[in-house]
């Protein structure tokens, strides 16, 4: 009987110990799962950190590729412009028509512009460029406008107090040409 009792006690203790081991095993698996989640989160943050480091390094290593553009001093500023129609097949423009406006050669950080001002009102803004000692100005209406207008100005006679050239205006299916003479404003 003592043998049976001893056998029962050993069996019961074995089951108790084994139950306790299952609980410990579940706890251990739970901790491993939590640790794995934390490792994944850490790896993700480490990856983001490395990307930010690369971005920072690329910002500091590259020079600014955008160069500010500006008109030369002999062009920049205010001019008084006289425009005369020299040929036209448009009803809006008649040969001999004259117009006097103020022209302002200006620039922002990325492009050259020429503003046409009449009676203190901005009439038009041309985008411009200076190539081979010639000023090229362009204006074009957007595709939603009723009239499709494109204006091109070529100023190829440049001196400190006078600029001369031509302007071509294309409106829908007609074209007009103008002579342009700009005199440095004394304001």
N, C-alpha and C. Protein backbone atom coordinates (compact mmCIF):
# COMPACT_ATOMS: atom_id res chain seq x y z
N UNK A 1 0.81 -1.16 0.00
CA UNK A 1 0.00 0.00 0.00
C UNK A 1 0.87 1.26 0.00
N UNK A 2 1.93 1.18 0.71
CA UNK A 2 2.86 2.30 0.77
C UNK A 2 3.43 2.56 -0.63
N UNK A 3 3.65 1.49 -1.34
CA UNK A 3 4.14 1.64 -2.70
C UNK A 3 3.09 2.35 -3.55
N UNK A 4 1.88 1.95 -3.40
CA UNK A 4 0.80 2.58 -4.16
C UNK A 4 0.64 4.06 -3.78
N UNK A 5 0.74 4.33 -2.52
CA UNK A 5 0.62 5.70 -2.04
C UNK A 5 1.78 6.55 -2.58
N UNK A 6 2.95 5.98 -2.50
CA UNK A 6 4.12 6.67 -3.03
C UNK A 6 3.97 6.89 -4.54
N UNK A 7 3.47 5.91 -5.24
CA UNK A 7 3.26 6.02 -6.66
C UNK A 7 2.22 7.10 -6.96
N UNK A 8 1.17 7.16 -6.21
CA UNK A 8 0.10 8.17 -6.40
C UNK A 8 0.67 9.57 -6.13
N UNK A 9 1.43 9.73 -5.09
CA UNK A 9 2.01 11.03 -4.73
C UNK A 9 2.98 11.49 -5.83
N UNK A 10 3.78 10.58 -6.31
CA UNK A 10 4.74 10.94 -7.37
C UNK A 10 3.98 11.31 -8.64
N UNK A 11 2.94 10.58 -8.98
CA UNK A 11 2.15 10.85 -10.17
C UNK A 11 1.44 12.20 -10.05
N UNK A 12 0.86 12.46 -8.88
CA UNK A 12 0.16 13.74 -8.66
C UNK A 12 1.16 14.89 -8.72
N UNK A 13 2.28 14.74 -8.10
CA UNK A 13 3.29 15.81 -8.12
C UNK A 13 3.82 16.02 -9.54
N UNK A 14 3.93 14.92 -10.28
CA UNK A 14 4.38 15.03 -11.66
C UNK A 14 3.37 15.85 -12.47
N UNK A 15 2.07 15.54 -12.28
CA UNK A 15 1.03 16.29 -12.98
C UNK A 15 1.01 17.75 -12.54
N UNK A 16 1.21 17.98 -11.25
CA UNK A 16 1.23 19.37 -10.76
C UNK A 16 2.42 20.14 -11.35
N UNK A 17 3.56 19.49 -11.33
CA UNK A 17 4.76 20.12 -11.88
C UNK A 17 4.57 20.33 -13.39
N UNK A 18 4.01 19.37 -14.05
CA UNK A 18 3.82 19.46 -15.49
C UNK A 18 2.79 20.53 -15.82
N UNK A 19 1.76 20.74 -15.04
CA UNK A 19 0.78 21.82 -15.24
C UNK A 19 1.46 23.17 -15.08
N UNK A 20 2.29 23.23 -14.06
CA UNK A 20 3.01 24.46 -13.80
C UNK A 20 3.96 24.78 -14.95
N UNK A 21 4.56 23.74 -15.54
CA UNK A 21 5.46 23.94 -16.68
C UNK A 21 4.70 24.46 -17.89
N UNK A 22 3.46 24.02 -18.10
CA UNK A 22 2.66 24.50 -19.22
C UNK A 22 2.35 25.98 -19.05
N UNK A 23 2.05 26.38 -17.84
CA UNK A 23 1.78 27.79 -17.57
C UNK A 23 3.04 28.62 -17.82
N UNK A 24 4.17 28.09 -17.33
CA UNK A 24 5.42 28.79 -17.54
C UNK A 24 5.76 28.84 -19.03
N UNK A 25 5.46 27.78 -19.73
CA UNK A 25 5.73 27.73 -21.16
C UNK A 25 4.87 28.75 -21.90
N UNK A 26 3.59 28.86 -21.52
CA UNK A 26 2.71 29.87 -22.13
C UNK A 26 3.22 31.28 -21.84
N UNK A 27 3.64 31.49 -20.60
CA UNK A 27 4.18 32.81 -20.23
C UNK A 27 5.44 33.11 -21.05
N UNK A 28 6.27 32.10 -21.19
CA UNK A 28 7.51 32.27 -21.95
C UNK A 28 7.21 32.57 -23.42
N UNK A 29 6.26 31.86 -24.02
CA UNK A 29 5.88 32.11 -25.40
C UNK A 29 5.31 33.52 -25.57
N UNK A 30 4.51 33.93 -24.58
CA UNK A 30 3.93 35.27 -24.62
C UNK A 30 5.04 36.33 -24.57
N UNK A 31 6.02 36.14 -23.70
CA UNK A 31 7.14 37.09 -23.60
C UNK A 31 7.95 37.11 -24.89
N UNK A 32 8.18 35.93 -25.48
CA UNK A 32 8.92 35.87 -26.73
C UNK A 32 8.17 36.61 -27.84
N UNK A 33 6.86 36.47 -27.86
CA UNK A 33 6.05 37.15 -28.86
C UNK A 33 6.13 38.67 -28.67
N UNK A 34 6.05 39.13 -27.43
CA UNK A 34 6.17 40.56 -27.14
C UNK A 34 7.56 41.08 -27.52
N UNK A 35 8.56 40.30 -27.21
CA UNK A 35 9.93 40.68 -27.55
C UNK A 35 10.10 40.77 -29.06
N UNK A 36 9.52 39.83 -29.78
CA UNK A 36 9.59 39.84 -31.24
C UNK A 36 8.92 41.09 -31.80
N UNK A 37 7.77 41.47 -31.26
CA UNK A 37 7.08 42.68 -31.69
C UNK A 37 7.94 43.92 -31.43
N UNK A 38 8.56 43.97 -30.26
CA UNK A 38 9.43 45.10 -29.93
C UNK A 38 10.63 45.15 -30.86
N UNK A 39 11.19 43.99 -31.22
CA UNK A 39 12.33 43.95 -32.14
C UNK A 39 11.91 44.44 -33.52
N UNK A 40 10.70 44.05 -33.98
CA UNK A 40 10.22 44.52 -35.27
C UNK A 40 10.04 46.04 -35.27
N UNK A 41 9.45 46.56 -34.19
CA UNK A 41 9.24 48.00 -34.06
C UNK A 41 10.58 48.73 -34.05
N UNK A 42 11.55 48.19 -33.32
CA UNK A 42 12.87 48.79 -33.25
C UNK A 42 13.55 48.77 -34.62
N UNK A 43 13.41 47.64 -35.34
CA UNK A 43 14.02 47.52 -36.67
C UNK A 43 13.39 48.54 -37.63
N UNK A 44 12.09 48.75 -37.52
CA UNK A 44 11.42 49.74 -38.36
C UNK A 44 11.92 51.15 -38.04
N UNK A 45 12.05 51.47 -36.77
CA UNK A 45 12.55 52.80 -36.39
C UNK A 45 14.01 52.97 -36.81
N UNK A 46 14.78 51.90 -36.71
CA UNK A 46 16.18 51.95 -37.14
C UNK A 46 16.25 52.23 -38.64
N UNK A 47 15.38 51.59 -39.41
CA UNK A 47 15.33 51.79 -40.86
C UNK A 47 14.95 53.24 -41.18
N UNK A 48 13.94 53.79 -40.51
CA UNK A 48 13.55 55.17 -40.72
C UNK A 48 14.69 56.12 -40.35
N UNK A 49 15.39 55.82 -39.29
CA UNK A 49 16.52 56.64 -38.86
C UNK A 49 17.62 56.65 -39.91
N UNK A 50 17.90 55.49 -40.50
CA UNK A 50 18.93 55.40 -41.53
C UNK A 50 18.53 56.21 -42.77
N UNK A 51 17.25 56.17 -43.13
CA UNK A 51 16.76 56.94 -44.27
C UNK A 51 16.93 58.43 -43.99
N UNK A 52 16.58 58.86 -42.79
CA UNK A 52 16.73 60.27 -42.42
C UNK A 52 18.20 60.69 -42.43
N UNK A 53 19.08 59.82 -41.98
CA UNK A 53 20.51 60.13 -42.01
C UNK A 53 20.99 60.32 -43.45
N UNK A 54 20.56 59.42 -44.35
CA UNK A 54 20.95 59.53 -45.75
C UNK A 54 20.42 60.82 -46.35
N UNK A 55 19.16 61.18 -46.02
CA UNK A 55 18.57 62.41 -46.53
C UNK A 55 19.36 63.62 -46.03
N UNK A 56 19.68 63.63 -44.76
CA UNK A 56 20.44 64.74 -44.19
C UNK A 56 21.80 64.86 -44.88
N UNK A 57 22.47 63.73 -45.05
CA UNK A 57 23.78 63.74 -45.69
C UNK A 57 23.70 64.22 -47.14
N UNK A 58 22.63 63.83 -47.86
CA UNK A 58 22.50 64.26 -49.24
C UNK A 58 22.21 65.75 -49.32
N UNK A 59 21.48 66.28 -48.36
CA UNK A 59 21.19 67.71 -48.35
C UNK A 59 22.46 68.51 -48.11
N UNK A 60 23.27 68.06 -47.17
CA UNK A 60 24.49 68.79 -46.86
C UNK A 60 25.58 68.61 -47.91
N UNK A 61 25.55 67.48 -48.62
CA UNK A 61 26.62 67.22 -49.58
C UNK A 61 26.40 67.92 -50.93
N UNK A 62 25.12 68.16 -51.31
CA UNK A 62 24.85 68.76 -52.60
C UNK A 62 24.78 70.28 -52.48
N UNK A 63 25.36 70.92 -53.47
CA UNK A 63 25.25 72.37 -53.57
C UNK A 63 23.89 72.69 -54.17
N UNK A 64 23.41 73.86 -53.90
CA UNK A 64 22.13 74.29 -54.45
C UNK A 64 22.25 74.38 -55.97
N UNK A 65 21.44 73.60 -56.67
CA UNK A 65 21.53 73.55 -58.12
C UNK A 65 20.73 74.66 -58.79
N UNK A 66 19.86 75.32 -58.06
CA UNK A 66 19.08 76.41 -58.62
C UNK A 66 19.88 77.69 -58.47
N UNK A 67 20.09 78.34 -59.58
CA UNK A 67 20.83 79.59 -59.56
C UNK A 67 19.86 80.74 -59.79
N UNK A 68 19.97 81.73 -58.96
CA UNK A 68 19.12 82.90 -59.12
C UNK A 68 19.51 83.61 -60.41
N UNK A 69 18.49 83.99 -61.17
CA UNK A 69 18.75 84.68 -62.42
C UNK A 69 18.35 86.14 -62.28
N UNK A 70 19.06 87.00 -62.98
CA UNK A 70 18.75 88.42 -62.95
C UNK A 70 19.21 89.05 -64.25
N UNK A 71 18.51 90.12 -64.64
CA UNK A 71 18.94 90.87 -65.80
C UNK A 71 20.24 91.59 -65.47
N UNK A 72 21.11 91.78 -66.44
CA UNK A 72 22.30 92.60 -66.21
C UNK A 72 21.88 94.03 -65.84
N UNK A 73 22.74 94.75 -65.15
CA UNK A 73 22.42 96.11 -64.70
C UNK A 73 22.05 97.04 -65.85
N UNK A 74 22.67 96.85 -67.02
CA UNK A 74 22.36 97.74 -68.14
C UNK A 74 20.97 97.49 -68.73
N UNK A 75 20.33 96.39 -68.37
CA UNK A 75 18.97 96.09 -68.86
C UNK A 75 17.93 96.25 -67.74
N UNK A 76 18.29 95.81 -66.55
CA UNK A 76 17.35 95.80 -65.43
C UNK A 76 16.80 97.20 -65.17
N UNK A 77 15.50 97.25 -64.82
CA UNK A 77 14.90 98.52 -64.43
C UNK A 77 13.82 99.01 -65.36
N UNK A 78 13.54 100.31 -65.26
CA UNK A 78 12.44 100.96 -65.96
C UNK A 78 12.87 101.49 -67.33
N UNK A 79 12.00 101.29 -68.32
CA UNK A 79 12.21 101.80 -69.67
C UNK A 79 10.88 102.36 -70.18
N UNK A 80 10.96 103.36 -71.05
CA UNK A 80 9.77 103.86 -71.73
C UNK A 80 9.78 103.26 -73.12
N UNK A 81 8.68 102.59 -73.46
CA UNK A 81 8.64 101.86 -74.73
C UNK A 81 7.67 102.47 -75.72
N UNK A 82 8.12 102.55 -76.95
CA UNK A 82 7.28 103.01 -78.06
C UNK A 82 7.19 101.86 -79.05
N UNK A 83 5.95 101.44 -79.32
CA UNK A 83 5.70 100.30 -80.20
C UNK A 83 4.87 100.80 -81.39
N UNK A 84 5.33 100.51 -82.61
CA UNK A 84 4.63 100.96 -83.82
C UNK A 84 4.35 99.74 -84.70
N UNK A 85 3.10 99.60 -85.14
CA UNK A 85 2.70 98.49 -86.02
C UNK A 85 3.29 98.71 -87.40
N UNK A 86 4.04 97.71 -87.90
CA UNK A 86 4.68 97.84 -89.22
C UNK A 86 4.02 96.97 -90.29
N UNK A 87 3.35 95.92 -89.90
CA UNK A 87 2.58 95.10 -90.85
C UNK A 87 1.54 94.30 -90.08
N UNK A 88 0.39 94.07 -90.73
CA UNK A 88 -0.69 93.37 -90.03
C UNK A 88 -1.69 92.81 -91.03
N UNK A 89 -2.21 91.64 -90.73
CA UNK A 89 -3.36 91.09 -91.44
C UNK A 89 -4.49 90.80 -90.44
N UNK A 90 -4.43 91.52 -89.29
CA UNK A 90 -5.43 91.39 -88.23
C UNK A 90 -6.32 92.63 -88.21
N UNK A 91 -7.58 92.44 -87.91
CA UNK A 91 -8.49 93.59 -87.80
C UNK A 91 -8.21 94.39 -86.52
N UNK A 92 -7.59 93.77 -85.52
CA UNK A 92 -7.30 94.46 -84.26
C UNK A 92 -6.13 95.42 -84.37
N UNK A 93 -5.25 95.24 -85.35
CA UNK A 93 -4.04 96.06 -85.47
C UNK A 93 -3.97 96.68 -86.86
N UNK A 94 -3.66 97.97 -86.90
CA UNK A 94 -3.56 98.70 -88.16
C UNK A 94 -2.13 99.21 -88.30
N UNK A 95 -1.58 99.10 -89.50
CA UNK A 95 -0.23 99.58 -89.75
C UNK A 95 -0.17 101.07 -89.41
N UNK A 96 0.82 101.44 -88.63
CA UNK A 96 1.00 102.83 -88.21
C UNK A 96 0.51 103.09 -86.78
N UNK A 97 -0.28 102.17 -86.24
CA UNK A 97 -0.73 102.35 -84.85
C UNK A 97 0.48 102.45 -83.94
N UNK A 98 0.40 103.36 -82.94
CA UNK A 98 1.49 103.53 -81.98
C UNK A 98 0.96 103.35 -80.57
N UNK A 99 1.85 102.90 -79.73
CA UNK A 99 1.49 102.73 -78.32
C UNK A 99 2.74 103.03 -77.49
N UNK A 100 2.55 103.76 -76.41
CA UNK A 100 3.65 104.06 -75.50
C UNK A 100 3.32 103.47 -74.14
N UNK A 101 4.21 102.64 -73.63
CA UNK A 101 4.03 101.98 -72.34
C UNK A 101 5.31 102.09 -71.53
N UNK A 102 5.21 101.75 -70.27
CA UNK A 102 6.40 101.61 -69.43
C UNK A 102 6.74 100.13 -69.37
N UNK A 103 8.00 99.83 -69.53
CA UNK A 103 8.50 98.45 -69.47
C UNK A 103 9.40 98.35 -68.25
N UNK A 104 9.25 97.28 -67.53
CA UNK A 104 10.11 97.05 -66.37
C UNK A 104 10.73 95.67 -66.48
N UNK A 105 12.05 95.64 -66.60
CA UNK A 105 12.77 94.38 -66.65
C UNK A 105 13.10 93.98 -65.22
N UNK A 106 12.57 92.84 -64.81
CA UNK A 106 12.67 92.39 -63.43
C UNK A 106 12.91 90.88 -63.42
N UNK A 107 13.11 90.33 -62.25
CA UNK A 107 13.27 88.88 -62.13
C UNK A 107 12.84 88.44 -60.75
N UNK A 108 12.40 87.20 -60.67
CA UNK A 108 12.21 86.59 -59.36
C UNK A 108 13.36 85.61 -59.19
N UNK A 109 13.26 84.71 -58.29
CA UNK A 109 14.40 83.84 -58.02
C UNK A 109 14.68 82.83 -59.13
N UNK A 110 13.71 82.58 -60.01
CA UNK A 110 13.93 81.54 -61.02
C UNK A 110 13.76 81.98 -62.46
N UNK A 111 13.16 83.14 -62.72
CA UNK A 111 12.99 83.51 -64.12
C UNK A 111 13.07 85.02 -64.32
N UNK A 112 13.43 85.37 -65.54
CA UNK A 112 13.48 86.77 -65.94
C UNK A 112 12.11 87.17 -66.48
N UNK A 113 11.69 88.39 -66.18
CA UNK A 113 10.40 88.87 -66.66
C UNK A 113 10.53 90.29 -67.18
N UNK A 114 9.56 90.66 -68.00
CA UNK A 114 9.41 92.05 -68.44
C UNK A 114 7.93 92.37 -68.25
N UNK A 115 7.67 93.41 -67.47
CA UNK A 115 6.29 93.82 -67.19
C UNK A 115 5.97 95.04 -68.03
N UNK A 116 4.80 95.02 -68.66
CA UNK A 116 4.33 96.15 -69.45
C UNK A 116 3.27 96.85 -68.61
N UNK A 117 3.49 98.15 -68.36
CA UNK A 117 2.60 98.92 -67.49
C UNK A 117 2.09 100.12 -68.27
N UNK A 118 0.77 100.33 -68.23
CA UNK A 118 0.16 101.46 -68.92
C UNK A 118 -0.78 102.13 -67.94
N UNK A 119 -0.63 103.44 -67.73
CA UNK A 119 -1.45 104.20 -66.77
C UNK A 119 -1.45 103.55 -65.39
N UNK A 120 -0.28 103.15 -64.94
CA UNK A 120 -0.09 102.52 -63.62
C UNK A 120 -0.82 101.20 -63.46
N UNK A 121 -1.25 100.59 -64.56
CA UNK A 121 -1.89 99.28 -64.51
C UNK A 121 -1.01 98.27 -65.23
N UNK A 122 -0.84 97.12 -64.62
CA UNK A 122 -0.07 96.05 -65.24
C UNK A 122 -0.88 95.49 -66.40
N UNK A 123 -0.30 95.53 -67.60
CA UNK A 123 -0.98 95.06 -68.80
C UNK A 123 -0.61 93.62 -69.09
N UNK A 124 0.70 93.31 -69.01
CA UNK A 124 1.16 91.98 -69.41
C UNK A 124 2.50 91.69 -68.75
N UNK A 125 2.76 90.41 -68.53
CA UNK A 125 4.06 89.98 -68.02
C UNK A 125 4.63 88.97 -69.01
N UNK A 126 5.77 89.33 -69.59
CA UNK A 126 6.48 88.44 -70.50
C UNK A 126 7.49 87.62 -69.69
N UNK A 127 7.69 86.37 -70.07
CA UNK A 127 8.83 85.63 -69.54
C UNK A 127 9.99 85.90 -70.49
N UNK A 128 11.19 85.97 -69.94
CA UNK A 128 12.29 86.39 -70.78
C UNK A 128 13.54 85.57 -70.62
N UNK A 129 14.44 85.77 -71.58
CA UNK A 129 15.78 85.19 -71.47
C UNK A 129 16.74 86.05 -72.27
N UNK A 130 17.98 85.99 -71.87
CA UNK A 130 19.04 86.75 -72.51
C UNK A 130 20.03 85.74 -73.08
N UNK A 131 20.14 85.72 -74.41
CA UNK A 131 21.05 84.79 -75.09
C UNK A 131 21.77 85.52 -76.20
N UNK A 132 23.06 85.33 -76.28
CA UNK A 132 23.87 85.90 -77.38
C UNK A 132 23.60 87.40 -77.57
N UNK A 133 23.55 88.12 -76.47
CA UNK A 133 23.32 89.56 -76.48
C UNK A 133 21.99 89.94 -77.14
N UNK A 134 21.00 89.05 -77.02
CA UNK A 134 19.64 89.30 -77.49
C UNK A 134 18.67 89.01 -76.35
N UNK A 135 17.66 89.86 -76.24
CA UNK A 135 16.61 89.64 -75.24
C UNK A 135 15.44 89.02 -75.98
N UNK A 136 14.98 87.86 -75.47
CA UNK A 136 13.83 87.19 -76.05
C UNK A 136 12.74 87.15 -74.99
N UNK A 137 11.58 87.71 -75.34
CA UNK A 137 10.44 87.75 -74.43
C UNK A 137 9.29 86.99 -75.05
N UNK A 138 8.49 86.32 -74.20
CA UNK A 138 7.38 85.52 -74.71
C UNK A 138 6.19 85.64 -73.78
N UNK A 139 5.01 85.74 -74.39
CA UNK A 139 3.75 85.73 -73.66
C UNK A 139 2.78 84.88 -74.46
N UNK A 140 2.03 84.02 -73.76
CA UNK A 140 1.06 83.18 -74.43
C UNK A 140 -0.14 82.99 -73.51
N UNK A 141 -1.35 83.15 -74.07
CA UNK A 141 -2.55 82.91 -73.27
C UNK A 141 -2.69 81.42 -73.01
N UNK A 142 -3.43 81.09 -71.96
CA UNK A 142 -3.63 79.66 -71.68
C UNK A 142 -4.70 79.09 -72.61
N UNK A 143 -4.83 77.80 -72.60
CA UNK A 143 -5.71 77.11 -73.56
C UNK A 143 -7.19 77.38 -73.33
N UNK A 144 -7.56 77.95 -72.18
CA UNK A 144 -8.97 78.20 -71.89
C UNK A 144 -9.43 79.58 -72.36
N UNK A 145 -8.53 80.41 -72.84
CA UNK A 145 -8.88 81.76 -73.29
C UNK A 145 -9.70 81.71 -74.58
N UNK A 146 -10.59 82.71 -74.73
CA UNK A 146 -11.39 82.79 -75.96
C UNK A 146 -10.50 83.01 -77.17
N UNK A 147 -9.58 83.98 -77.05
CA UNK A 147 -8.63 84.25 -78.12
C UNK A 147 -7.30 83.62 -77.75
N UNK A 148 -6.72 82.93 -78.71
CA UNK A 148 -5.39 82.37 -78.52
C UNK A 148 -4.37 83.40 -79.00
N UNK A 149 -3.64 83.98 -78.04
CA UNK A 149 -2.69 85.04 -78.36
C UNK A 149 -1.30 84.60 -77.96
N UNK A 150 -0.35 84.84 -78.87
CA UNK A 150 1.05 84.60 -78.56
C UNK A 150 1.84 85.82 -79.00
N UNK A 151 2.68 86.31 -78.09
CA UNK A 151 3.51 87.48 -78.39
C UNK A 151 4.96 87.12 -78.17
N UNK A 152 5.77 87.43 -79.17
CA UNK A 152 7.21 87.20 -79.09
C UNK A 152 7.93 88.51 -79.38
N UNK A 153 8.84 88.85 -78.49
CA UNK A 153 9.61 90.08 -78.66
C UNK A 153 11.08 89.69 -78.78
N UNK A 154 11.74 90.23 -79.79
CA UNK A 154 13.18 90.03 -79.96
C UNK A 154 13.83 91.40 -79.94
N UNK A 155 14.61 91.64 -78.91
CA UNK A 155 15.33 92.91 -78.77
C UNK A 155 16.80 92.61 -79.00
N UNK A 156 17.30 93.05 -80.16
CA UNK A 156 18.66 92.66 -80.52
C UNK A 156 19.62 93.83 -80.71
N UNK A 157 19.14 95.06 -80.49
CA UNK A 157 20.02 96.23 -80.51
C UNK A 157 20.01 96.81 -79.11
N UNK A 158 21.03 96.48 -78.34
CA UNK A 158 21.05 96.85 -76.92
C UNK A 158 22.21 97.80 -76.66
N UNK A 159 21.86 98.95 -76.10
CA UNK A 159 22.89 99.90 -75.64
C UNK A 159 22.45 100.38 -74.25
N UNK A 160 23.31 101.10 -73.53
CA UNK A 160 22.95 101.49 -72.16
C UNK A 160 21.67 102.32 -72.04
N UNK A 161 21.32 103.14 -73.04
CA UNK A 161 20.15 104.00 -72.93
C UNK A 161 19.05 103.71 -73.93
N UNK A 162 19.28 102.76 -74.84
CA UNK A 162 18.28 102.45 -75.87
C UNK A 162 18.34 100.97 -76.22
N UNK A 163 17.14 100.38 -76.36
CA UNK A 163 17.02 98.98 -76.80
C UNK A 163 16.01 98.97 -77.95
N UNK A 164 16.35 98.27 -79.02
CA UNK A 164 15.45 98.21 -80.18
C UNK A 164 15.27 96.76 -80.62
N UNK A 165 14.12 96.53 -81.27
CA UNK A 165 13.85 95.20 -81.79
C UNK A 165 12.46 95.12 -82.39
N UNK A 166 11.90 93.91 -82.41
CA UNK A 166 10.58 93.69 -83.01
C UNK A 166 9.70 92.86 -82.07
N UNK A 167 8.41 93.05 -82.27
CA UNK A 167 7.43 92.23 -81.56
C UNK A 167 6.49 91.64 -82.60
N UNK A 168 6.22 90.34 -82.47
CA UNK A 168 5.29 89.65 -83.35
C UNK A 168 4.12 89.17 -82.51
N UNK A 169 2.91 89.53 -82.95
CA UNK A 169 1.69 89.12 -82.24
C UNK A 169 0.90 88.20 -83.16
N UNK A 170 0.58 87.03 -82.65
CA UNK A 170 -0.27 86.09 -83.39
C UNK A 170 -1.56 85.91 -82.59
N UNK A 171 -2.69 86.27 -83.24
CA UNK A 171 -4.00 86.14 -82.60
C UNK A 171 -4.82 85.20 -83.47
N UNK A 172 -5.17 84.04 -82.88
CA UNK A 172 -5.90 83.01 -83.62
C UNK A 172 -5.21 82.75 -84.97
N UNK A 173 -5.76 83.27 -86.08
CA UNK A 173 -5.17 82.98 -87.40
C UNK A 173 -4.53 84.18 -88.08
N UNK A 174 -4.34 85.30 -87.34
CA UNK A 174 -3.73 86.47 -87.97
C UNK A 174 -2.44 86.87 -87.25
N UNK A 175 -1.64 87.73 -87.93
CA UNK A 175 -0.35 88.11 -87.36
C UNK A 175 -0.10 89.60 -87.59
N UNK A 176 0.53 90.21 -86.60
CA UNK A 176 0.93 91.61 -86.72
C UNK A 176 2.36 91.74 -86.23
N UNK A 177 3.12 92.66 -86.90
CA UNK A 177 4.51 92.90 -86.50
C UNK A 177 4.66 94.36 -86.10
N UNK A 178 5.52 94.57 -85.12
CA UNK A 178 5.71 95.91 -84.57
C UNK A 178 7.20 96.18 -84.42
N UNK A 179 7.57 97.45 -84.56
CA UNK A 179 8.93 97.84 -84.17
C UNK A 179 8.85 98.29 -82.72
N UNK A 180 9.90 98.00 -81.96
CA UNK A 180 9.93 98.33 -80.54
C UNK A 180 11.17 99.16 -80.28
N UNK A 181 10.97 100.26 -79.57
CA UNK A 181 12.11 101.09 -79.15
C UNK A 181 11.92 101.44 -77.68
N UNK A 182 12.88 101.08 -76.87
CA UNK A 182 12.82 101.36 -75.44
C UNK A 182 13.91 102.36 -75.09
N UNK A 183 13.55 103.38 -74.32
CA UNK A 183 14.50 104.38 -73.85
C UNK A 183 14.57 104.29 -72.32
N UNK A 184 15.77 104.35 -71.78
CA UNK A 184 15.96 104.26 -70.33
C UNK A 184 15.18 105.39 -69.65
N UNK A 185 14.35 105.01 -68.67
CA UNK A 185 13.59 106.01 -67.92
C UNK A 185 14.53 106.80 -67.04
N UNK A 186 14.24 108.07 -66.87
CA UNK A 186 15.10 108.94 -66.06
C UNK A 186 14.54 109.11 -64.65
N UNK A 187 13.54 108.36 -64.28
CA UNK A 187 12.91 108.46 -62.94
C UNK A 187 13.88 108.07 -61.87
